[in-house]
Amino acid sequence: MKRQLIRGFTLIELMIVIAIIGILASIALFAYQDYVVRAQVSEGLTLVGGPQLALAEWQSSHPSFPNSGNPGNNTSLGLPAPSSISGNYVSSVTVIDGGKIELTYGNKANTAIAGSAKLCTLSPITSSPGAIRWSAACGFDARYLPQAWR
């Protein structure tokens, strides 16, 4: 009677496969973390739509944006209190002097963007009457901002 040789994977082959899977998983986890933070930043940039519209309306009837000489806070623009404009990852949206909008990430936001030291300030840029562009200056890494805001 002839014996059949049963062939399978050796222990070393299995360990190599597991090591490769581990390396790929660690790369994917890093990319996913980056994606999560970018999604949280996008929530804040969505919440500033109301203040941006209020500032555009202000500018259409005034020669300049609100500053320290004019009322420039949320209430004078008809907006809710800064802490009322919030979301899952944003703790407040505040209009400050010169028509700038300060965005504070907090609540459940990732530590890469959360905290008062990592404010995101959106500044209006007027190139022609009635046209407003916005630039962002944030206290966190610019790679978390959407491409249009970099």
C-alpha atoms as a PDB file:
ATOM      1  CA  MET A   1       0.000   0.000   0.000  1.00  0.00           C
ATOM      2  CA  LYS A   2       1.310   3.356  -0.969  1.00  0.00           C
ATOM      3  CA  ARG A   3       1.277   6.137   1.632  1.00  0.00           C
ATOM      4  CA  GLN A   4      -0.006   9.511   0.554  1.00  0.00           C
ATOM      5  CA  LEU A   5       1.992  12.457   1.733  1.00  0.00           C
ATOM      6  CA  ILE A   6      -0.269  15.085   3.288  1.00  0.00           C
ATOM      7  CA  ARG A   7       1.107  18.490   2.644  1.00  0.00           C
ATOM      8  CA  GLY A   8       0.065  21.686   4.440  1.00  0.00           C
ATOM      9  CA  PHE A   9       1.444  25.009   5.558  1.00  0.00           C
ATOM     10  CA  THR A  10       4.414  25.051   7.831  1.00  0.00           C
ATOM     11  CA  LEU A  11       4.498  27.153  10.958  1.00  0.00           C
ATOM     12  CA  ILE A  12       6.937  29.633   9.413  1.00  0.00           C
ATOM     13  CA  GLU A  13       4.698  30.184   6.385  1.00  0.00           C
ATOM     14  CA  LEU A  14       1.717  30.865   8.642  1.00  0.00           C
ATOM     15  CA  MET A  15       3.733  33.298  10.775  1.00  0.00           C
ATOM     16  CA  ILE A  16       4.867  35.204   7.671  1.00  0.00           C
ATOM     17  CA  VAL A  17       1.269  35.533   6.477  1.00  0.00           C
ATOM     18  CA  ILE A  18       0.156  36.778   9.912  1.00  0.00           C
ATOM     19  CA  ALA A  19       3.005  39.320   9.991  1.00  0.00           C
ATOM     20  CA  ILE A  20       2.048  40.652   6.553  1.00  0.00           C
ATOM     21  CA  ILE A  21      -1.596  40.963   7.594  1.00  0.00           C
ATOM     22  CA  GLY A  22      -0.511  42.818  10.746  1.00  0.00           C
ATOM     23  CA  ILE A  23       1.556  45.308   8.756  1.00  0.00           C
ATOM     24  CA  LEU A  24      -1.310  45.955   6.327  1.00  0.00           C
ATOM     25  CA  ALA A  25      -3.759  46.392   9.216  1.00  0.00           C
ATOM     26  CA  SER A  26      -1.530  48.949  10.940  1.00  0.00           C
ATOM     27  CA  ILE A  27      -1.271  50.986   7.725  1.00  0.00           C
ATOM     28  CA  ALA A  28      -5.036  50.845   7.220  1.00  0.00           C
ATOM     29  CA  LEU A  29      -5.687  51.882  10.833  1.00  0.00           C
ATOM     30  CA  PHE A  30      -3.476  54.965  10.468  1.00  0.00           C
ATOM     31  CA  ALA A  31      -5.259  55.988   7.249  1.00  0.00           C
ATOM     32  CA  TYR A  32      -8.655  55.439   8.890  1.00  0.00           C
ATOM     33  CA  GLN A  33      -7.725  57.625  11.897  1.00  0.00           C
ATOM     34  CA  ASP A  34      -6.805  60.430   9.500  1.00  0.00           C
ATOM     35  CA  TYR A  35     -10.121  60.002   7.700  1.00  0.00           C
ATOM     36  CA  VAL A  36     -12.085  60.195  10.979  1.00  0.00           C
ATOM     37  CA  VAL A  37     -10.416  63.479  11.991  1.00  0.00           C
ATOM     38  CA  ARG A  38     -11.052  64.976   8.539  1.00  0.00           C
ATOM     39  CA  ALA A  39     -14.745  64.069   8.822  1.00  0.00           C
ATOM     40  CA  GLN A  40     -14.894  65.798  12.224  1.00  0.00           C
ATOM     41  CA  VAL A  41     -13.299  68.953  10.781  1.00  0.00           C
ATOM     42  CA  SER A  42     -15.849  68.914   7.947  1.00  0.00           C
ATOM     43  CA  GLU A  43     -18.681  69.061  10.473  1.00  0.00           C
ATOM     44  CA  GLY A  44     -17.337  72.367  11.767  1.00  0.00           C
ATOM     45  CA  LEU A  45     -16.966  73.826   8.303  1.00  0.00           C
ATOM     46  CA  THR A  46     -20.587  72.886   7.623  1.00  0.00           C
ATOM     47  CA  LEU A  47     -21.775  74.611  10.809  1.00  0.00           C
ATOM     48  CA  VAL A  48     -20.215  77.942   9.774  1.00  0.00           C
ATOM     49  CA  GLY A  49     -22.639  78.231   6.844  1.00  0.00           C
ATOM     50  CA  GLY A  50     -25.147  80.253   8.901  1.00  0.00           C
ATOM     51  CA  PRO A  51     -22.602  82.782  10.203  1.00  0.00           C
ATOM     52  CA  GLN A  52     -21.099  83.111   6.715  1.00  0.00           C
ATOM     53  CA  LEU A  53     -24.520  83.971   5.297  1.00  0.00           C
ATOM     54  CA  ALA A  54     -25.210  86.452   8.132  1.00  0.00           C
ATOM     55  CA  LEU A  55     -21.876  88.170   7.468  1.00  0.00           C
ATOM     56  CA  ALA A  56     -22.596  88.330   3.734  1.00  0.00           C
ATOM     57  CA  GLU A  57     -25.931  90.017   4.485  1.00  0.00           C
ATOM     58  CA  TRP A  58     -24.193  92.429   6.896  1.00  0.00           C
ATOM     59  CA  GLN A  59     -21.613  93.336   4.284  1.00  0.00           C
ATOM     60  CA  SER A  60     -24.253  94.008   1.644  1.00  0.00           C
ATOM     61  CA  SER A  61     -25.756  96.808   3.762  1.00  0.00           C
ATOM     62  CA  HIS A  62     -22.621  98.094   5.549  1.00  0.00           C
ATOM     63  CA  PRO A  63     -19.321  99.347   4.140  1.00  0.00           C
ATOM     64  CA  SER A  64     -17.242  96.822   6.070  1.00  0.00           C
ATOM     65  CA  PHE A  65     -17.439  93.772   8.275  1.00  0.00           C
ATOM     66  CA  PRO A  66     -18.283  94.191  11.954  1.00  0.00           C
ATOM     67  CA  ASN A  67     -15.309  95.180  14.105  1.00  0.00           C
ATOM     68  CA  SER A  68     -14.731  96.479  17.605  1.00  0.00           C
ATOM     69  CA  GLY A  69     -16.502  99.763  16.692  1.00  0.00           C
ATOM     70  CA  ASN A  70     -19.573  97.937  15.371  1.00  0.00           C
ATOM     71  CA  PRO A  71     -21.488  95.127  16.985  1.00  0.00           C
ATOM     72  CA  GLY A  72     -19.762  91.996  15.791  1.00  0.00           C
ATOM     73  CA  ASN A  73     -20.973  89.218  18.025  1.00  0.00           C
ATOM     74  CA  ASN A  74     -23.432  86.464  17.219  1.00  0.00           C
ATOM     75  CA  THR A  75     -26.475  88.201  18.721  1.00  0.00           C
ATOM     76  CA  SER A  76     -26.106  91.423  16.721  1.00  0.00           C
ATOM     77  CA  LEU A  77     -25.999  89.381  13.514  1.00  0.00           C
ATOM     78  CA  GLY A  78     -29.162  87.504  14.467  1.00  0.00           C
ATOM     79  CA  LEU A  79     -27.302  84.297  15.289  1.00  0.00           C
ATOM     80  CA  PRO A  80     -27.709  82.098  18.359  1.00  0.00           C
ATOM     81  CA  ALA A  81     -25.174  82.187  21.198  1.00  0.00           C
ATOM     82  CA  PRO A  82     -21.757  80.705  20.283  1.00  0.00           C
ATOM     83  CA  SER A  83     -22.269  77.565  22.376  1.00  0.00           C
ATOM     84  CA  SER A  84     -25.684  77.002  20.749  1.00  0.00           C
ATOM     85  CA  ILE A  85     -24.071  76.547  17.343  1.00  0.00           C
ATOM     86  CA  SER A  86     -22.528  73.188  18.100  1.00  0.00           C
ATOM     87  CA  GLY A  87     -22.448  69.626  16.918  1.00  0.00           C
ATOM     88  CA  ASN A  88     -21.012  66.258  17.826  1.00  0.00           C
ATOM     89  CA  TYR A  89     -17.453  67.553  17.456  1.00  0.00           C
ATOM     90  CA  VAL A  90     -17.829  71.356  17.563  1.00  0.00           C
ATOM     91  CA  SER A  91     -18.330  73.122  20.893  1.00  0.00           C
ATOM     92  CA  SER A  92     -18.882  76.693  19.614  1.00  0.00           C
ATOM     93  CA  VAL A  93     -18.955  78.963  16.574  1.00  0.00           C
ATOM     94  CA  THR A  94     -18.263  82.631  17.376  1.00  0.00           C
ATOM     95  CA  VAL A  95     -18.212  85.713  15.149  1.00  0.00           C
ATOM     96  CA  ILE A  96     -15.345  87.984  16.213  1.00  0.00           C
ATOM     97  CA  ASP A  97     -14.005  91.359  15.032  1.00  0.00           C
ATOM     98  CA  GLY A  98     -13.537  91.961  11.336  1.00  0.00           C
ATOM     99  CA  GLY A  99     -16.111  89.370  10.281  1.00  0.00           C
ATOM    100  CA  LYS A 100     -13.893  86.476  11.327  1.00  0.00           C
ATOM    101  CA  ILE A 101     -15.475  83.255  12.508  1.00  0.00           C
ATOM    102  CA  GLU A 102     -13.843  81.274  15.308  1.00  0.00           C
ATOM    103  CA  LEU A 103     -14.543  77.573  15.339  1.00  0.00           C
ATOM    104  CA  THR A 104     -13.779  75.628  18.528  1.00  0.00           C
ATOM    105  CA  TYR A 105     -13.673  71.848  18.350  1.00  0.00           C
ATOM    106  CA  GLY A 106     -14.516  69.970  21.524  1.00  0.00           C
ATOM    107  CA  ASN A 107     -17.244  67.607  22.712  1.00  0.00           C
ATOM    108  CA  LYS A 108     -16.278  64.232  21.201  1.00  0.00           C
ATOM    109  CA  ALA A 109     -13.627  65.557  18.791  1.00  0.00           C
ATOM    110  CA  ASN A 110     -10.314  63.791  18.324  1.00  0.00           C
ATOM    111  CA  THR A 111      -7.458  65.181  20.429  1.00  0.00           C
ATOM    112  CA  ALA A 112      -5.668  66.233  17.224  1.00  0.00           C
ATOM    113  CA  ILE A 113      -8.232  69.029  16.723  1.00  0.00           C
ATOM    114  CA  ALA A 114      -9.920  69.536  20.109  1.00  0.00           C
ATOM    115  CA  GLY A 115      -9.154  72.302  22.568  1.00  0.00           C
ATOM    116  CA  SER A 116      -8.972  76.065  22.772  1.00  0.00           C
ATOM    117  CA  ALA A 117      -5.338  76.096  21.608  1.00  0.00           C
ATOM    118  CA  LYS A 118      -6.434  74.525  18.317  1.00  0.00           C
ATOM    119  CA  LEU A 119      -9.006  77.099  17.205  1.00  0.00           C
ATOM    120  CA  CYS A 120      -9.853  77.421  13.554  1.00  0.00           C
ATOM    121  CA  THR A 121     -10.355  81.022  12.415  1.00  0.00           C
ATOM    122  CA  LEU A 122     -12.076  81.698   9.108  1.00  0.00           C
ATOM    123  CA  SER A 123     -11.316  85.133   7.664  1.00  0.00           C
ATOM    124  CA  PRO A 124     -13.366  86.824   4.923  1.00  0.00           C
ATOM    125  CA  ILE A 125     -11.587  88.063   1.810  1.00  0.00           C
ATOM    126  CA  THR A 126     -13.468  90.455  -0.471  1.00  0.00           C
ATOM    127  CA  SER A 127     -12.054  90.796  -3.955  1.00  0.00           C
ATOM    128  CA  SER A 128     -15.057  92.477  -5.555  1.00  0.00           C
ATOM    129  CA  PRO A 129     -18.327  93.907  -4.210  1.00  0.00           C
ATOM    130  CA  GLY A 130     -20.655  91.138  -3.150  1.00  0.00           C
ATOM    131  CA  ALA A 131     -18.072  88.360  -3.498  1.00  0.00           C
ATOM    132  CA  ILE A 132     -16.610  86.849  -0.351  1.00  0.00           C
ATOM    133  CA  ARG A 133     -13.972  84.134  -0.203  1.00  0.00           C
ATOM    134  CA  TRP A 134     -12.882  82.548   3.052  1.00  0.00           C
ATOM    135  CA  SER A 135      -9.447  81.532   4.250  1.00  0.00           C
ATOM    136  CA  ALA A 136      -8.789  79.242   7.194  1.00  0.00           C
ATOM    137  CA  ALA A 137      -6.034  79.526   9.794  1.00  0.00           C
ATOM    138  CA  CYS A 138      -6.191  76.610  12.190  1.00  0.00           C
ATOM    139  CA  GLY A 139      -4.174  75.562  15.203  1.00  0.00           C
ATOM    140  CA  PHE A 140      -4.051  71.976  13.966  1.00  0.00           C
ATOM    141  CA  ASP A 141      -2.374  70.300  11.009  1.00  0.00           C
ATOM    142  CA  ALA A 142      -3.640  71.566   7.630  1.00  0.00           C
ATOM    143  CA  ARG A 143      -3.886  68.008   6.282  1.00  0.00           C
ATOM    144  CA  TYR A 144      -7.155  67.653   8.215  1.00  0.00           C
ATOM    145  CA  LEU A 145      -8.791  70.499   6.268  1.00  0.00           C
ATOM    146  CA  PRO A 146     -10.698  69.733   3.068  1.00  0.00           C
ATOM    147  CA  GLN A 147      -8.710  70.467  -0.087  1.00  0.00           C
ATOM    148  CA  ALA A 148     -10.729  73.620  -0.845  1.00  0.00           C
ATOM    149  CA  TRP A 149      -9.739  75.171   2.525  1.00  0.00           C
ATOM    150  CA  ARG A 150      -5.980  74.517   2.375  1.00  0.00           C
END
